[in-house]
């Protein structure tokens, strides 16, 4: 495994995205996909993640939690997010916030465990939506 990615607050990601009129959201997607690929050696990486964010951001709503889930699976754990987490973005107003918080919090927990601090939380017993 490669270097561990940076933990980020989903609220800071949201606020910076609003203040920069969405530019930070595109940067965040680039960096997040890059860190996951640098760490695991698998995934789409920052360049393709950036291209998808610019051309069709909806794809990344499904792809990012799927890649976070893959990090957990490769480490022998279960995750709170999966490809199905992307469906949250279809819920008006609040869905995008739920998606962002679930995805970033799961990734933060993974980065924390990969750094050796604590294991990621166990997955809920219900479907990961």
N, C-alpha and C. Protein backbone atom coordinates (compact mmCIF):
# COMPACT_ATOMS: atom_id res chain seq x y z
N UNK A 1 0.83 -1.18 0.00
CA UNK A 1 0.00 0.00 0.00
C UNK A 1 0.88 1.25 0.00
N UNK A 2 0.40 2.24 -0.70
CA UNK A 2 1.13 3.50 -0.82
C UNK A 2 0.78 4.47 0.29
N UNK A 3 1.06 5.75 0.07
CA UNK A 3 0.82 6.75 1.10
C UNK A 3 -0.66 6.89 1.45
N UNK A 4 -0.89 7.26 2.68
CA UNK A 4 -2.25 7.47 3.18
C UNK A 4 -2.71 8.85 2.76
N UNK A 5 -3.97 8.96 2.36
CA UNK A 5 -4.53 10.24 1.94
C UNK A 5 -4.86 11.14 3.12
N UNK A 6 -5.20 12.36 2.79
CA UNK A 6 -5.50 13.37 3.80
C UNK A 6 -6.96 13.26 4.24
N UNK A 7 -7.18 13.33 5.54
CA UNK A 7 -8.55 13.39 6.05
C UNK A 7 -9.08 14.80 5.88
N UNK A 8 -10.33 14.90 5.45
CA UNK A 8 -10.96 16.20 5.22
C UNK A 8 -12.33 16.23 5.87
N UNK A 9 -12.72 17.40 6.33
CA UNK A 9 -14.06 17.58 6.86
C UNK A 9 -15.02 17.77 5.70
N UNK A 10 -16.11 17.03 5.70
CA UNK A 10 -17.07 17.19 4.60
C UNK A 10 -17.69 18.58 4.64
N UNK A 11 -17.80 19.18 5.83
CA UNK A 11 -18.33 20.55 5.93
C UNK A 11 -17.40 21.57 5.28
N UNK A 12 -16.10 21.38 5.46
CA UNK A 12 -15.13 22.27 4.83
C UNK A 12 -15.18 22.11 3.31
N UNK A 13 -15.29 20.86 2.85
CA UNK A 13 -15.42 20.61 1.41
C UNK A 13 -16.65 21.33 0.87
N UNK A 14 -17.75 21.22 1.59
CA UNK A 14 -18.99 21.88 1.17
C UNK A 14 -18.83 23.40 1.13
N UNK A 15 -18.31 23.97 2.21
CA UNK A 15 -18.17 25.43 2.28
C UNK A 15 -17.20 25.96 1.23
N UNK A 16 -16.07 25.30 1.05
CA UNK A 16 -15.12 25.75 0.03
C UNK A 16 -15.70 25.61 -1.37
N UNK A 17 -16.52 24.58 -1.57
CA UNK A 17 -17.16 24.40 -2.88
C UNK A 17 -18.15 25.53 -3.15
N UNK A 18 -18.87 25.95 -2.14
CA UNK A 18 -19.83 27.04 -2.30
C UNK A 18 -19.10 28.36 -2.55
N UNK A 19 -18.08 28.64 -1.74
CA UNK A 19 -17.34 29.90 -1.85
C UNK A 19 -16.64 30.02 -3.21
N UNK A 20 -16.17 28.91 -3.75
CA UNK A 20 -15.44 28.94 -5.02
C UNK A 20 -16.33 28.61 -6.22
N UNK A 21 -17.64 28.63 -5.99
CA UNK A 21 -18.60 28.35 -7.07
C UNK A 21 -18.35 27.00 -7.75
N UNK A 22 -18.00 26.00 -6.95
CA UNK A 22 -17.86 24.63 -7.45
C UNK A 22 -16.46 24.23 -7.87
N UNK A 23 -15.54 25.19 -7.94
CA UNK A 23 -14.18 24.85 -8.37
C UNK A 23 -13.50 23.93 -7.37
N UNK A 24 -13.70 24.19 -6.07
CA UNK A 24 -13.08 23.31 -5.07
C UNK A 24 -13.66 21.90 -5.15
N UNK A 25 -14.93 21.76 -5.47
CA UNK A 25 -15.55 20.43 -5.59
C UNK A 25 -14.85 19.61 -6.67
N UNK A 26 -14.50 20.26 -7.77
CA UNK A 26 -13.79 19.56 -8.85
C UNK A 26 -12.38 19.20 -8.40
N UNK A 27 -11.71 20.14 -7.73
CA UNK A 27 -10.37 19.86 -7.19
C UNK A 27 -10.42 18.72 -6.18
N UNK A 28 -11.42 18.75 -5.29
CA UNK A 28 -11.57 17.72 -4.26
C UNK A 28 -11.73 16.34 -4.90
N UNK A 29 -12.51 16.25 -5.96
CA UNK A 29 -12.68 14.97 -6.65
C UNK A 29 -11.36 14.50 -7.24
N UNK A 30 -10.63 15.40 -7.87
CA UNK A 30 -9.33 15.06 -8.44
C UNK A 30 -8.40 14.51 -7.36
N UNK A 31 -8.25 15.25 -6.27
CA UNK A 31 -7.32 14.86 -5.20
C UNK A 31 -7.76 13.56 -4.54
N UNK A 32 -9.06 13.40 -4.32
CA UNK A 32 -9.55 12.19 -3.65
C UNK A 32 -9.29 10.95 -4.51
N UNK A 33 -9.62 11.01 -5.78
CA UNK A 33 -9.35 9.87 -6.67
C UNK A 33 -7.85 9.61 -6.78
N UNK A 34 -7.04 10.66 -6.82
CA UNK A 34 -5.58 10.50 -6.92
C UNK A 34 -5.04 9.83 -5.66
N UNK A 35 -5.47 10.29 -4.49
CA UNK A 35 -4.98 9.71 -3.24
C UNK A 35 -5.37 8.23 -3.13
N UNK A 36 -6.59 7.90 -3.54
CA UNK A 36 -7.01 6.49 -3.46
C UNK A 36 -6.16 5.62 -4.39
N UNK A 37 -5.88 6.11 -5.61
CA UNK A 37 -5.07 5.32 -6.53
C UNK A 37 -3.62 5.25 -6.06
N UNK A 38 -3.08 6.37 -5.56
CA UNK A 38 -1.71 6.35 -5.05
C UNK A 38 -1.56 5.37 -3.89
N UNK A 39 -2.61 5.27 -3.08
CA UNK A 39 -2.56 4.38 -1.91
C UNK A 39 -2.69 2.91 -2.31
N UNK A 40 -3.66 2.61 -3.16
CA UNK A 40 -3.97 1.21 -3.45
C UNK A 40 -3.38 0.70 -4.76
N UNK A 41 -3.01 1.61 -5.65
CA UNK A 41 -2.53 1.18 -6.97
C UNK A 41 -3.66 0.80 -7.91
N UNK A 42 -4.89 0.98 -7.46
CA UNK A 42 -6.06 0.64 -8.27
C UNK A 42 -7.03 1.80 -8.26
N UNK A 43 -7.91 1.82 -9.24
CA UNK A 43 -8.90 2.88 -9.34
C UNK A 43 -8.64 3.75 -10.55
N UNK A 44 -9.46 4.78 -10.71
CA UNK A 44 -9.35 5.59 -11.92
C UNK A 44 -8.28 6.68 -11.82
N UNK A 45 -7.92 7.08 -10.63
CA UNK A 45 -6.90 8.10 -10.46
C UNK A 45 -7.45 9.51 -10.64
N UNK A 46 -6.59 10.48 -10.38
CA UNK A 46 -6.99 11.87 -10.39
C UNK A 46 -7.35 12.41 -11.75
N UNK A 47 -6.57 12.08 -12.77
CA UNK A 47 -6.81 12.63 -14.11
C UNK A 47 -8.15 12.23 -14.68
N UNK A 48 -8.46 10.96 -14.63
CA UNK A 48 -9.75 10.50 -15.15
C UNK A 48 -10.88 10.98 -14.24
N UNK A 49 -10.65 11.00 -12.94
CA UNK A 49 -11.65 11.52 -12.01
C UNK A 49 -11.97 12.98 -12.31
N UNK A 50 -10.92 13.76 -12.62
CA UNK A 50 -11.12 15.17 -12.98
C UNK A 50 -11.90 15.29 -14.28
N UNK A 51 -11.54 14.51 -15.26
CA UNK A 51 -12.23 14.54 -16.55
C UNK A 51 -13.71 14.19 -16.38
N UNK A 52 -13.99 13.16 -15.61
CA UNK A 52 -15.39 12.78 -15.37
C UNK A 52 -16.13 13.86 -14.59
N UNK A 53 -15.44 14.51 -13.64
CA UNK A 53 -16.08 15.57 -12.86
C UNK A 53 -16.48 16.73 -13.76
N UNK A 54 -15.64 17.04 -14.73
CA UNK A 54 -15.92 18.16 -15.63
C UNK A 54 -17.00 17.78 -16.65
N UNK A 55 -16.89 16.58 -17.21
CA UNK A 55 -17.83 16.18 -18.26
C UNK A 55 -19.17 15.71 -17.73
N UNK A 56 -19.14 14.92 -16.69
CA UNK A 56 -20.37 14.38 -16.12
C UNK A 56 -20.16 14.03 -14.66
N UNK A 57 -20.40 14.97 -13.78
CA UNK A 57 -20.18 14.78 -12.35
C UNK A 57 -21.01 13.67 -11.74
N UNK A 58 -22.12 13.34 -12.39
CA UNK A 58 -23.01 12.31 -11.84
C UNK A 58 -22.33 10.95 -11.76
N UNK A 59 -21.45 10.65 -12.70
CA UNK A 59 -20.74 9.37 -12.68
C UNK A 59 -19.91 9.25 -11.40
N UNK A 60 -19.25 10.34 -11.02
CA UNK A 60 -18.41 10.31 -9.82
C UNK A 60 -19.21 10.11 -8.54
N UNK A 61 -20.48 10.48 -8.56
CA UNK A 61 -21.33 10.27 -7.38
C UNK A 61 -21.48 8.78 -7.08
N UNK A 62 -21.37 7.96 -8.08
CA UNK A 62 -21.44 6.52 -7.90
C UNK A 62 -20.04 5.90 -7.80
N UNK A 63 -19.11 6.43 -8.58
CA UNK A 63 -17.77 5.85 -8.66
C UNK A 63 -16.95 6.07 -7.39
N UNK A 64 -17.03 7.27 -6.81
CA UNK A 64 -16.22 7.57 -5.63
C UNK A 64 -16.55 6.67 -4.44
N UNK A 65 -17.84 6.54 -4.04
CA UNK A 65 -18.10 5.63 -2.92
C UNK A 65 -17.77 4.18 -3.25
N UNK A 66 -17.87 3.83 -4.53
CA UNK A 66 -17.51 2.47 -4.93
C UNK A 66 -16.01 2.24 -4.71
N UNK A 67 -15.19 3.22 -5.05
CA UNK A 67 -13.75 3.08 -4.84
C UNK A 67 -13.39 3.10 -3.35
N UNK A 68 -14.11 3.89 -2.57
CA UNK A 68 -13.89 3.87 -1.11
C UNK A 68 -14.21 2.48 -0.58
N UNK A 69 -15.31 1.91 -1.03
CA UNK A 69 -15.69 0.56 -0.62
C UNK A 69 -14.59 -0.45 -1.02
N UNK A 70 -14.03 -0.29 -2.21
CA UNK A 70 -12.96 -1.19 -2.66
C UNK A 70 -11.75 -1.12 -1.74
N UNK A 71 -11.43 0.06 -1.22
CA UNK A 71 -10.32 0.18 -0.26
C UNK A 71 -10.58 -0.68 0.97
N UNK A 72 -11.81 -0.59 1.47
CA UNK A 72 -12.19 -1.41 2.63
C UNK A 72 -12.10 -2.89 2.31
N UNK A 73 -12.65 -3.28 1.18
CA UNK A 73 -12.68 -4.70 0.80
C UNK A 73 -11.26 -5.25 0.70
N UNK A 74 -10.35 -4.47 0.08
CA UNK A 74 -8.97 -4.93 -0.07
C UNK A 74 -8.27 -5.07 1.28
N UNK A 75 -8.76 -4.33 2.29
CA UNK A 75 -8.15 -4.45 3.61
C UNK A 75 -8.90 -5.46 4.49
N UNK A 76 -9.86 -6.16 3.90
CA UNK A 76 -10.59 -7.20 4.62
C UNK A 76 -11.68 -6.69 5.53
N UNK A 77 -12.18 -5.49 5.25
CA UNK A 77 -13.23 -4.90 6.09
C UNK A 77 -14.45 -4.57 5.24
N UNK A 78 -15.52 -4.24 5.92
CA UNK A 78 -16.72 -3.81 5.22
C UNK A 78 -16.89 -2.30 5.39
N UNK A 79 -17.53 -1.69 4.42
CA UNK A 79 -17.67 -0.25 4.39
C UNK A 79 -19.12 0.17 4.52
N UNK A 80 -19.31 1.41 4.95
CA UNK A 80 -20.66 1.97 5.03
C UNK A 80 -21.13 2.53 3.69
N UNK A 81 -20.23 2.62 2.72
CA UNK A 81 -20.59 3.18 1.42
C UNK A 81 -20.32 2.15 0.32
N UNK A 82 -21.04 2.31 -0.78
CA UNK A 82 -20.86 1.46 -1.95
C UNK A 82 -21.35 2.23 -3.16
N UNK A 83 -21.36 1.59 -4.28
CA UNK A 83 -21.88 2.20 -5.49
C UNK A 83 -23.30 2.73 -5.27
N UNK A 84 -24.10 2.03 -4.50
CA UNK A 84 -25.49 2.43 -4.24
C UNK A 84 -25.59 3.74 -3.47
N UNK A 85 -24.54 4.15 -2.80
CA UNK A 85 -24.54 5.42 -2.08
C UNK A 85 -24.79 6.59 -3.03
N UNK A 86 -24.42 6.43 -4.28
CA UNK A 86 -24.61 7.47 -5.27
C UNK A 86 -26.06 7.88 -5.47
N UNK A 87 -26.99 6.99 -5.16
CA UNK A 87 -28.40 7.31 -5.34
C UNK A 87 -28.87 8.44 -4.41
N UNK A 88 -28.11 8.74 -3.36
CA UNK A 88 -28.48 9.84 -2.48
C UNK A 88 -28.56 11.16 -3.24
N UNK A 89 -27.77 11.34 -4.28
CA UNK A 89 -27.74 12.62 -4.98
C UNK A 89 -29.07 12.94 -5.67
N UNK A 90 -29.93 11.96 -5.83
CA UNK A 90 -31.22 12.19 -6.47
C UNK A 90 -32.28 12.73 -5.50
N UNK A 91 -31.97 12.73 -4.22
CA UNK A 91 -32.88 13.29 -3.23
C UNK A 91 -32.69 14.81 -3.22
N UNK A 92 -33.74 15.56 -3.56
CA UNK A 92 -33.58 17.02 -3.67
C UNK A 92 -33.05 17.66 -2.38
N UNK A 93 -32.24 18.67 -2.57
CA UNK A 93 -31.65 19.51 -1.53
C UNK A 93 -30.71 18.78 -0.58
N UNK A 94 -31.18 17.86 0.19
CA UNK A 94 -30.38 17.24 1.24
C UNK A 94 -29.57 16.03 0.77
N UNK A 95 -29.95 15.42 -0.33
CA UNK A 95 -29.30 14.20 -0.80
C UNK A 95 -27.81 14.36 -1.06
N UNK A 96 -27.43 15.46 -1.69
CA UNK A 96 -26.01 15.70 -1.95
C UNK A 96 -25.21 15.85 -0.67
N UNK A 97 -25.81 16.45 0.34
CA UNK A 97 -25.13 16.60 1.63
C UNK A 97 -24.94 15.25 2.31
N UNK A 98 -25.98 14.42 2.22
CA UNK A 98 -25.88 13.07 2.81
C UNK A 98 -24.79 12.28 2.08
N UNK A 99 -24.80 12.37 0.75
CA UNK A 99 -23.79 11.66 -0.05
C UNK A 99 -22.39 12.10 0.35
N UNK A 100 -22.18 13.41 0.40
CA UNK A 100 -20.86 13.95 0.72
C UNK A 100 -20.41 13.52 2.12
N UNK A 101 -21.30 13.63 3.09
CA UNK A 101 -20.91 13.28 4.46
C UNK A 101 -20.62 11.78 4.59
N UNK A 102 -21.46 10.94 3.99
CA UNK A 102 -21.23 9.49 4.09
C UNK A 102 -19.93 9.09 3.40
N UNK A 103 -19.70 9.63 2.20
CA UNK A 103 -18.51 9.26 1.43
C UNK A 103 -17.24 9.76 2.09
N UNK A 104 -17.21 11.04 2.47
CA UNK A 104 -15.99 11.60 3.07
C UNK A 104 -15.73 11.00 4.45
N UNK A 105 -16.77 10.79 5.24
CA UNK A 105 -16.56 10.20 6.57
C UNK A 105 -16.03 8.77 6.46
N UNK A 106 -16.54 7.99 5.51
CA UNK A 106 -16.04 6.62 5.32
C UNK A 106 -14.58 6.65 4.88
N UNK A 107 -14.25 7.58 3.98
CA UNK A 107 -12.86 7.68 3.53
C UNK A 107 -11.95 8.14 4.67
N UNK A 108 -12.42 9.09 5.47
CA UNK A 108 -11.63 9.54 6.63
C UNK A 108 -11.35 8.38 7.58
N UNK A 109 -12.37 7.57 7.84
CA UNK A 109 -12.20 6.42 8.74
C UNK A 109 -11.19 5.43 8.16
N UNK A 110 -11.23 5.25 6.84
CA UNK A 110 -10.26 4.35 6.21
C UNK A 110 -8.85 4.92 6.34
N UNK A 111 -8.68 6.21 6.02
CA UNK A 111 -7.34 6.81 6.12
C UNK A 111 -6.81 6.71 7.56
N UNK A 112 -7.69 6.92 8.52
CA UNK A 112 -7.27 6.82 9.92
C UNK A 112 -6.80 5.41 10.25
N UNK A 113 -7.54 4.41 9.78
CA UNK A 113 -7.15 3.03 10.06
C UNK A 113 -5.88 2.65 9.30
N UNK A 114 -5.74 3.15 8.09
CA UNK A 114 -4.55 2.84 7.29
C UNK A 114 -3.30 3.47 7.90
N UNK A 115 -3.48 4.57 8.60
CA UNK A 115 -2.35 5.23 9.27
C UNK A 115 -1.98 4.50 10.55
N UNK A 116 -2.81 3.53 10.97
CA UNK A 116 -2.51 2.75 12.16
C UNK A 116 -3.17 3.22 13.43
N UNK A 117 -4.05 4.21 13.33
CA UNK A 117 -4.68 4.75 14.54
C UNK A 117 -5.72 3.81 15.10
N UNK A 118 -6.79 3.56 14.33
CA UNK A 118 -7.86 2.69 14.78
C UNK A 118 -8.46 1.99 13.57
N UNK A 119 -9.08 0.83 13.77
CA UNK A 119 -9.75 0.20 12.63
C UNK A 119 -10.98 0.98 12.23
N UNK A 120 -11.36 0.90 10.94
CA UNK A 120 -12.57 1.60 10.52
C UNK A 120 -13.79 1.01 11.21
N UNK A 121 -14.84 1.80 11.35
CA UNK A 121 -16.03 1.28 12.02
C UNK A 121 -16.65 0.14 11.24
N UNK A 122 -17.29 -0.75 11.96
CA UNK A 122 -17.96 -1.87 11.32
C UNK A 122 -19.13 -1.35 10.50
N UNK A 123 -19.43 -2.05 9.42
CA UNK A 123 -20.54 -1.65 8.56
C UNK A 123 -21.86 -1.91 9.27
N UNK A 124 -22.87 -1.13 8.97
CA UNK A 124 -24.19 -1.37 9.56
C UNK A 124 -24.76 -2.69 9.04
N UNK A 125 -25.70 -3.21 9.76
CA UNK A 125 -26.28 -4.48 9.35
C UNK A 125 -27.32 -4.31 8.26
N UNK A 126 -27.71 -3.07 7.96
CA UNK A 126 -28.64 -2.82 6.89
C UNK A 126 -27.91 -2.54 5.60
N UNK A 127 -28.65 -2.40 4.51
CA UNK A 127 -28.07 -2.12 3.21
C UNK A 127 -27.33 -0.78 3.25
N UNK A 128 -26.16 -0.67 2.58
CA UNK A 128 -25.35 0.55 2.64
C UNK A 128 -25.90 1.64 1.71
N UNK A 129 -26.94 2.33 2.13
CA UNK A 129 -27.49 3.43 1.35
C UNK A 129 -27.26 4.65 2.12
